[in-house]
C-alpha atoms as a PDB file:
ATOM      1  CA  UNK A   1      11.645   1.944 -23.789  1.00  0.00           C
ATOM      2  CA  UNK A   2      10.455   2.127 -27.406  1.00  0.00           C
ATOM      3  CA  UNK A   3       8.732   5.449 -26.801  1.00  0.00           C
ATOM      4  CA  UNK A   4      11.806   6.829 -25.051  1.00  0.00           C
ATOM      5  CA  UNK A   5      13.911   6.076 -28.115  1.00  0.00           C
ATOM      6  CA  UNK A   6      11.363   7.730 -30.391  1.00  0.00           C
ATOM      7  CA  UNK A   7      11.406  10.942 -28.342  1.00  0.00           C
ATOM      8  CA  UNK A   8       7.969  10.446 -26.786  1.00  0.00           C
ATOM      9  CA  UNK A   9       9.287  10.630 -23.246  1.00  0.00           C
ATOM     10  CA  UNK A  10       6.088  11.816 -21.561  1.00  0.00           C
ATOM     11  CA  UNK A  11       3.952   9.143 -23.188  1.00  0.00           C
ATOM     12  CA  UNK A  12       6.553   6.494 -22.408  1.00  0.00           C
ATOM     13  CA  UNK A  13       6.715   7.629 -18.774  1.00  0.00           C
ATOM     14  CA  UNK A  14       2.958   7.371 -18.408  1.00  0.00           C
ATOM     15  CA  UNK A  15       3.012   3.860 -19.863  1.00  0.00           C
ATOM     16  CA  UNK A  16       5.796   2.867 -17.477  1.00  0.00           C
ATOM     17  CA  UNK A  17       3.869   4.302 -14.520  1.00  0.00           C
ATOM     18  CA  UNK A  18       0.799   2.344 -15.588  1.00  0.00           C
ATOM     19  CA  UNK A  19       2.917  -0.790 -15.891  1.00  0.00           C
ATOM     20  CA  UNK A  20       4.017  -0.378 -12.268  1.00  0.00           C
ATOM     21  CA  UNK A  21       0.352  -0.061 -11.287  1.00  0.00           C
ATOM     22  CA  UNK A  22      -0.398  -3.257 -13.209  1.00  0.00           C
ATOM     23  CA  UNK A  23       2.463  -5.072 -11.466  1.00  0.00           C
ATOM     24  CA  UNK A  24       1.014  -3.913  -8.122  1.00  0.00           C
ATOM     25  CA  UNK A  25      -2.403  -5.249  -9.120  1.00  0.00           C
ATOM     26  CA  UNK A  26      -1.034  -8.581 -10.318  1.00  0.00           C
ATOM     27  CA  UNK A  27       1.110  -8.934  -7.178  1.00  0.00           C
ATOM     28  CA  UNK A  28      -1.938  -8.260  -5.022  1.00  0.00           C
ATOM     29  CA  UNK A  29      -3.956 -10.836  -6.944  1.00  0.00           C
ATOM     30  CA  UNK A  30      -1.247 -13.475  -7.034  1.00  0.00           C
ATOM     31  CA  UNK A  31      -0.061 -12.930  -3.472  1.00  0.00           C
ATOM     32  CA  UNK A  32      -2.529 -12.132  -0.725  1.00  0.00           C
ATOM     33  CA  UNK A  33      -5.730 -12.472  -2.748  1.00  0.00           C
ATOM     34  CA  UNK A  34      -5.372 -15.829  -4.531  1.00  0.00           C
ATOM     35  CA  UNK A  35      -2.322 -17.208  -2.675  1.00  0.00           C
ATOM     36  CA  UNK A  36      -0.634 -18.334  -5.901  1.00  0.00           C
ATOM     37  CA  UNK A  37       2.747 -17.068  -4.679  1.00  0.00           C
ATOM     38  CA  UNK A  38       3.947 -16.257  -1.171  1.00  0.00           C
ATOM     39  CA  UNK A  39       3.351 -12.696  -0.037  1.00  0.00           C
ATOM     40  CA  UNK A  40       7.107 -12.124   0.299  1.00  0.00           C
ATOM     41  CA  UNK A  41       7.614 -13.040  -3.361  1.00  0.00           C
ATOM     42  CA  UNK A  42       4.878 -10.615  -4.419  1.00  0.00           C
ATOM     43  CA  UNK A  43       6.543  -7.866  -2.364  1.00  0.00           C
ATOM     44  CA  UNK A  44       9.947  -8.574  -3.913  1.00  0.00           C
ATOM     45  CA  UNK A  45       8.516  -8.511  -7.444  1.00  0.00           C
ATOM     46  CA  UNK A  46       6.904  -5.108  -6.880  1.00  0.00           C
ATOM     47  CA  UNK A  47      10.098  -3.790  -5.309  1.00  0.00           C
ATOM     48  CA  UNK A  48      12.285  -5.009  -8.165  1.00  0.00           C
ATOM     49  CA  UNK A  49      10.022  -3.322 -10.699  1.00  0.00           C
ATOM     50  CA  UNK A  50       9.962  -0.095  -8.655  1.00  0.00           C
ATOM     51  CA  UNK A  51      13.761  -0.064  -8.327  1.00  0.00           C
ATOM     52  CA  UNK A  52      14.169  -0.668 -12.064  1.00  0.00           C
ATOM     53  CA  UNK A  53      11.728   2.147 -12.780  1.00  0.00           C
ATOM     54  CA  UNK A  54      13.600   4.451 -10.389  1.00  0.00           C
ATOM     55  CA  UNK A  55      16.902   3.594 -12.080  1.00  0.00           C
ATOM     56  CA  UNK A  56      15.414   4.430 -15.466  1.00  0.00           C
ATOM     57  CA  UNK A  57      14.005   7.671 -14.056  1.00  0.00           C
ATOM     58  CA  UNK A  58      17.390   8.686 -12.668  1.00  0.00           C
ATOM     59  CA  UNK A  59      19.054   7.818 -15.967  1.00  0.00           C
ATOM     60  CA  UNK A  60      16.518   9.900 -17.915  1.00  0.00           C
ATOM     61  CA  UNK A  61      16.287  12.677 -15.324  1.00  0.00           C
ATOM     62  CA  UNK A  62      12.518  12.201 -14.993  1.00  0.00           C
ATOM     63  CA  UNK A  63      11.108  13.465 -11.717  1.00  0.00           C
ATOM     64  CA  UNK A  64       7.622  12.195 -12.572  1.00  0.00           C
ATOM     65  CA  UNK A  65       8.841   8.658 -13.141  1.00  0.00           C
ATOM     66  CA  UNK A  66      11.010   8.689 -10.015  1.00  0.00           C
ATOM     67  CA  UNK A  67       8.073   9.918  -7.920  1.00  0.00           C
ATOM     68  CA  UNK A  68       5.901   7.107  -9.291  1.00  0.00           C
ATOM     69  CA  UNK A  69       8.642   4.555  -8.584  1.00  0.00           C
ATOM     70  CA  UNK A  70       9.126   5.814  -5.020  1.00  0.00           C
ATOM     71  CA  UNK A  71       5.372   5.808  -4.414  1.00  0.00           C
ATOM     72  CA  UNK A  72       5.171   2.289  -5.848  1.00  0.00           C
ATOM     73  CA  UNK A  73       7.925   1.037  -3.569  1.00  0.00           C
ATOM     74  CA  UNK A  74       6.378   2.776  -0.564  1.00  0.00           C
ATOM     75  CA  UNK A  75       2.922   1.369  -1.323  1.00  0.00           C
ATOM     76  CA  UNK A  76       4.043  -2.208  -2.010  1.00  0.00           C
ATOM     77  CA  UNK A  77       3.744  -3.559   1.565  1.00  0.00           C
ATOM     78  CA  UNK A  78       0.205  -2.209   1.747  1.00  0.00           C
ATOM     79  CA  UNK A  79      -0.672  -3.759  -1.615  1.00  0.00           C
ATOM     80  CA  UNK A  80       0.906  -7.145  -0.918  1.00  0.00           C
ATOM     81  CA  UNK A  81      -0.094  -7.449   2.738  1.00  0.00           C
ATOM     82  CA  UNK A  82      -1.998 -10.505   3.840  1.00  0.00           C
ATOM     83  CA  UNK A  83      -3.355  -8.731   6.911  1.00  0.00           C
ATOM     84  CA  UNK A  84      -0.603  -9.764   9.298  1.00  0.00           C
ATOM     85  CA  UNK A  85       0.037  -6.655  11.357  1.00  0.00           C
ATOM     86  CA  UNK A  86       3.731  -6.162  12.030  1.00  0.00           C
ATOM     87  CA  UNK A  87       4.308  -2.478  12.678  1.00  0.00           C
ATOM     88  CA  UNK A  88       8.075  -2.656  13.357  1.00  0.00           C
ATOM     89  CA  UNK A  89       8.686  -4.542  10.101  1.00  0.00           C
ATOM     90  CA  UNK A  90       6.508  -2.081   8.176  1.00  0.00           C
ATOM     91  CA  UNK A  91       8.334   0.894   9.668  1.00  0.00           C
ATOM     92  CA  UNK A  92      11.746  -0.668   9.023  1.00  0.00           C
ATOM     93  CA  UNK A  93      10.803  -1.299   5.398  1.00  0.00           C
ATOM     94  CA  UNK A  94       9.514   2.274   5.043  1.00  0.00           C
ATOM     95  CA  UNK A  95      12.725   3.663   6.515  1.00  0.00           C
ATOM     96  CA  UNK A  96      14.854   1.608   4.113  1.00  0.00           C
ATOM     97  CA  UNK A  97      12.867   2.720   1.072  1.00  0.00           C
ATOM     98  CA  UNK A  98      12.795   6.364   2.192  1.00  0.00           C
ATOM     99  CA  UNK A  99      16.510   6.485   2.943  1.00  0.00           C
ATOM    100  CA  UNK A 100      17.330   4.718  -0.321  1.00  0.00           C
ATOM    101  CA  UNK A 101      15.197   7.162  -2.285  1.00  0.00           C
ATOM    102  CA  UNK A 102      16.771  10.127  -0.498  1.00  0.00           C
ATOM    103  CA  UNK A 103      20.192   8.777  -1.422  1.00  0.00           C
ATOM    104  CA  UNK A 104      19.204   8.258  -5.051  1.00  0.00           C
ATOM    105  CA  UNK A 105      17.792  11.727  -5.703  1.00  0.00           C
ATOM    106  CA  UNK A 106      20.494  14.160  -6.668  1.00  0.00           C
ATOM    107  CA  UNK A 107      18.422  16.938  -8.259  1.00  0.00           C
ATOM    108  CA  UNK A 108      17.338  19.529  -5.684  1.00  0.00           C
ATOM    109  CA  UNK A 109      14.642  20.849  -8.027  1.00  0.00           C
ATOM    110  CA  UNK A 110      12.562  17.678  -7.732  1.00  0.00           C
ATOM    111  CA  UNK A 111       9.893  19.066  -5.422  1.00  0.00           C
ATOM    112  CA  UNK A 112       7.365  16.342  -6.246  1.00  0.00           C
ATOM    113  CA  UNK A 113       9.808  13.646  -5.199  1.00  0.00           C
ATOM    114  CA  UNK A 114      10.366  15.538  -1.940  1.00  0.00           C
ATOM    115  CA  UNK A 115       6.588  15.621  -1.419  1.00  0.00           C
ATOM    116  CA  UNK A 116       6.208  11.906  -2.170  1.00  0.00           C
ATOM    117  CA  UNK A 117       8.909  11.006   0.350  1.00  0.00           C
ATOM    118  CA  UNK A 118       7.441  13.265   3.037  1.00  0.00           C
ATOM    119  CA  UNK A 119       3.873  12.064   2.446  1.00  0.00           C
ATOM    120  CA  UNK A 120       5.023   8.445   2.340  1.00  0.00           C
ATOM    121  CA  UNK A 121       6.783   8.766   5.687  1.00  0.00           C
ATOM    122  CA  UNK A 122       3.671  10.330   7.211  1.00  0.00           C
ATOM    123  CA  UNK A 123       1.501   7.479   5.889  1.00  0.00           C
ATOM    124  CA  UNK A 124       3.925   4.958   7.374  1.00  0.00           C
ATOM    125  CA  UNK A 125       3.880   6.716  10.742  1.00  0.00           C
ATOM    126  CA  UNK A 126       0.077   6.802  10.796  1.00  0.00           C
ATOM    127  CA  UNK A 127      -0.173   3.174   9.668  1.00  0.00           C
ATOM    128  CA  UNK A 128       2.297   2.156  12.362  1.00  0.00           C
ATOM    129  CA  UNK A 129       0.237   4.038  14.929  1.00  0.00           C
ATOM    130  CA  UNK A 130      -2.912   2.206  13.842  1.00  0.00           C
ATOM    131  CA  UNK A 131      -1.340  -1.249  14.068  1.00  0.00           C
ATOM    132  CA  UNK A 132      -0.991  -3.231  17.263  1.00  0.00           C
ATOM    133  CA  UNK A 133       2.594  -3.449  18.496  1.00  0.00           C
ATOM    134  CA  UNK A 134       4.268  -6.595  19.623  1.00  0.00           C
ATOM    135  CA  UNK A 135       5.423  -6.757  23.222  1.00  0.00           C
ATOM    136  CA  UNK A 136       8.991  -5.607  22.723  1.00  0.00           C
ATOM    137  CA  UNK A 137      10.974  -3.002  24.609  1.00  0.00           C
ATOM    138  CA  UNK A 138      11.122  -0.726  21.542  1.00  0.00           C
ATOM    139  CA  UNK A 139       7.431  -1.024  20.630  1.00  0.00           C
ATOM    140  CA  UNK A 140       6.267   2.283  22.148  1.00  0.00           C
ATOM    141  CA  UNK A 141       9.132   4.078  20.427  1.00  0.00           C
ATOM    142  CA  UNK A 142       8.878   2.448  16.980  1.00  0.00           C
ATOM    143  CA  UNK A 143       7.323   5.437  15.212  1.00  0.00           C
ATOM    144  CA  UNK A 144       9.719   7.917  16.784  1.00  0.00           C
ATOM    145  CA  UNK A 145      12.625   5.616  15.877  1.00  0.00           C
ATOM    146  CA  UNK A 146      11.309   5.420  12.308  1.00  0.00           C
ATOM    147  CA  UNK A 147      11.209   9.206  11.986  1.00  0.00           C
ATOM    148  CA  UNK A 148      14.591   9.538  13.642  1.00  0.00           C
ATOM    149  CA  UNK A 149      16.160   6.957  11.309  1.00  0.00           C
ATOM    150  CA  UNK A 150      14.717   8.726   8.275  1.00  0.00           C
ATOM    151  CA  UNK A 151      15.954  12.094   9.572  1.00  0.00           C
ATOM    152  CA  UNK A 152      19.438  10.668  10.177  1.00  0.00           C
ATOM    153  CA  UNK A 153      19.419   9.204   6.675  1.00  0.00           C
ATOM    154  CA  UNK A 154      18.405  12.559   5.239  1.00  0.00           C
ATOM    155  CA  UNK A 155      21.145  14.344   7.185  1.00  0.00           C
ATOM    156  CA  UNK A 156      23.803  11.900   6.039  1.00  0.00           C
ATOM    157  CA  UNK A 157      22.737  11.087   2.490  1.00  0.00           C
ATOM    158  CA  UNK A 158      20.466  13.785   1.065  1.00  0.00           C
ATOM    159  CA  UNK A 159      21.505  16.457  -1.385  1.00  0.00           C
ATOM    160  CA  UNK A 160      22.648  19.669   0.282  1.00  0.00           C
ATOM    161  CA  UNK A 161      19.536  21.526  -0.878  1.00  0.00           C
ATOM    162  CA  UNK A 162      17.222  18.901   0.677  1.00  0.00           C
ATOM    163  CA  UNK A 163      19.198  18.030   3.780  1.00  0.00           C
ATOM    164  CA  UNK A 164      17.782  20.595   6.211  1.00  0.00           C
ATOM    165  CA  UNK A 165      14.163  20.620   5.093  1.00  0.00           C
ATOM    166  CA  UNK A 166      13.791  16.886   4.649  1.00  0.00           C
ATOM    167  CA  UNK A 167      15.390  16.088   7.993  1.00  0.00           C
ATOM    168  CA  UNK A 168      13.042  18.586   9.684  1.00  0.00           C
ATOM    169  CA  UNK A 169      10.047  16.962   7.988  1.00  0.00           C
ATOM    170  CA  UNK A 170      11.163  13.522   9.172  1.00  0.00           C
ATOM    171  CA  UNK A 171      11.728  14.835  12.699  1.00  0.00           C
ATOM    172  CA  UNK A 172       8.212  16.304  12.673  1.00  0.00           C
ATOM    173  CA  UNK A 173       6.935  12.876  11.647  1.00  0.00           C
ATOM    174  CA  UNK A 174       8.933  11.375  14.523  1.00  0.00           C
ATOM    175  CA  UNK A 175       6.957  13.657  16.819  1.00  0.00           C
ATOM    176  CA  UNK A 176       3.812  11.798  15.712  1.00  0.00           C
ATOM    177  CA  UNK A 177       5.271   8.822  17.546  1.00  0.00           C
ATOM    178  CA  UNK A 178       5.611  10.638  20.870  1.00  0.00           C
ATOM    179  CA  UNK A 179       1.899  10.733  21.812  1.00  0.00           C
ATOM    180  CA  UNK A 180       1.425   7.258  20.331  1.00  0.00           C
ATOM    181  CA  UNK A 181       4.283   5.901  22.427  1.00  0.00           C
ATOM    182  CA  UNK A 182       3.042   7.736  25.494  1.00  0.00           C
ATOM    183  CA  UNK A 183      -0.399   6.206  24.998  1.00  0.00           C
ATOM    184  CA  UNK A 184       1.048   2.715  24.545  1.00  0.00           C
ATOM    185  CA  UNK A 185       3.241   3.020  27.637  1.00  0.00           C
ATOM    186  CA  UNK A 186       0.226   4.222  29.631  1.00  0.00           C
ATOM    187  CA  UNK A 187      -2.055   1.461  28.386  1.00  0.00           C
ATOM    188  CA  UNK A 188       0.542  -1.250  29.019  1.00  0.00           C
ATOM    189  CA  UNK A 189       1.168  -0.106  32.583  1.00  0.00           C
ATOM    190  CA  UNK A 190      -2.585   0.008  33.280  1.00  0.00           C
ATOM    191  CA  UNK A 191      -3.061  -3.498  31.924  1.00  0.00           C
ATOM    192  CA  UNK A 192      -0.116  -4.902  33.893  1.00  0.00           C
END
């Protein structure tokens, strides 16, 4: 904040981005690595810092800082994971963060933020595809539901300039879930 007041916005933004990286590292060490705090607490700490950084970025109109905050929030379950695979919870978290970030961005010129949200959703879809699913009725459709929820959020909440493109990107990511779901339905019926 000191550097922002002095007019050194770029330098201050880089320091804030590095501070988020340090919080991620400390949360990883304190949570899943050393078990000093529960993993959920480590996740909440990283999320609170990312939300505060995003709020500052929106206040200052800094696309770079917002992109770092969104990437930090999207990466936090991977950083603070203790190895317990829960694909539906991961996808639900990713959808909440993506939809919240889409709602927060109001500047259609922020192409990097658009790229971070699209790439983050793709990483979530691929991570969900790599994880084992629990035996629930929605399990084969979890990735498609994730993409569909993100697309619906983009249609309802995104800026007019982003609405069409971002919802199409999320729908394309939902299509990643179709062959994954088909494969899971096929493998579950063979094993039954």
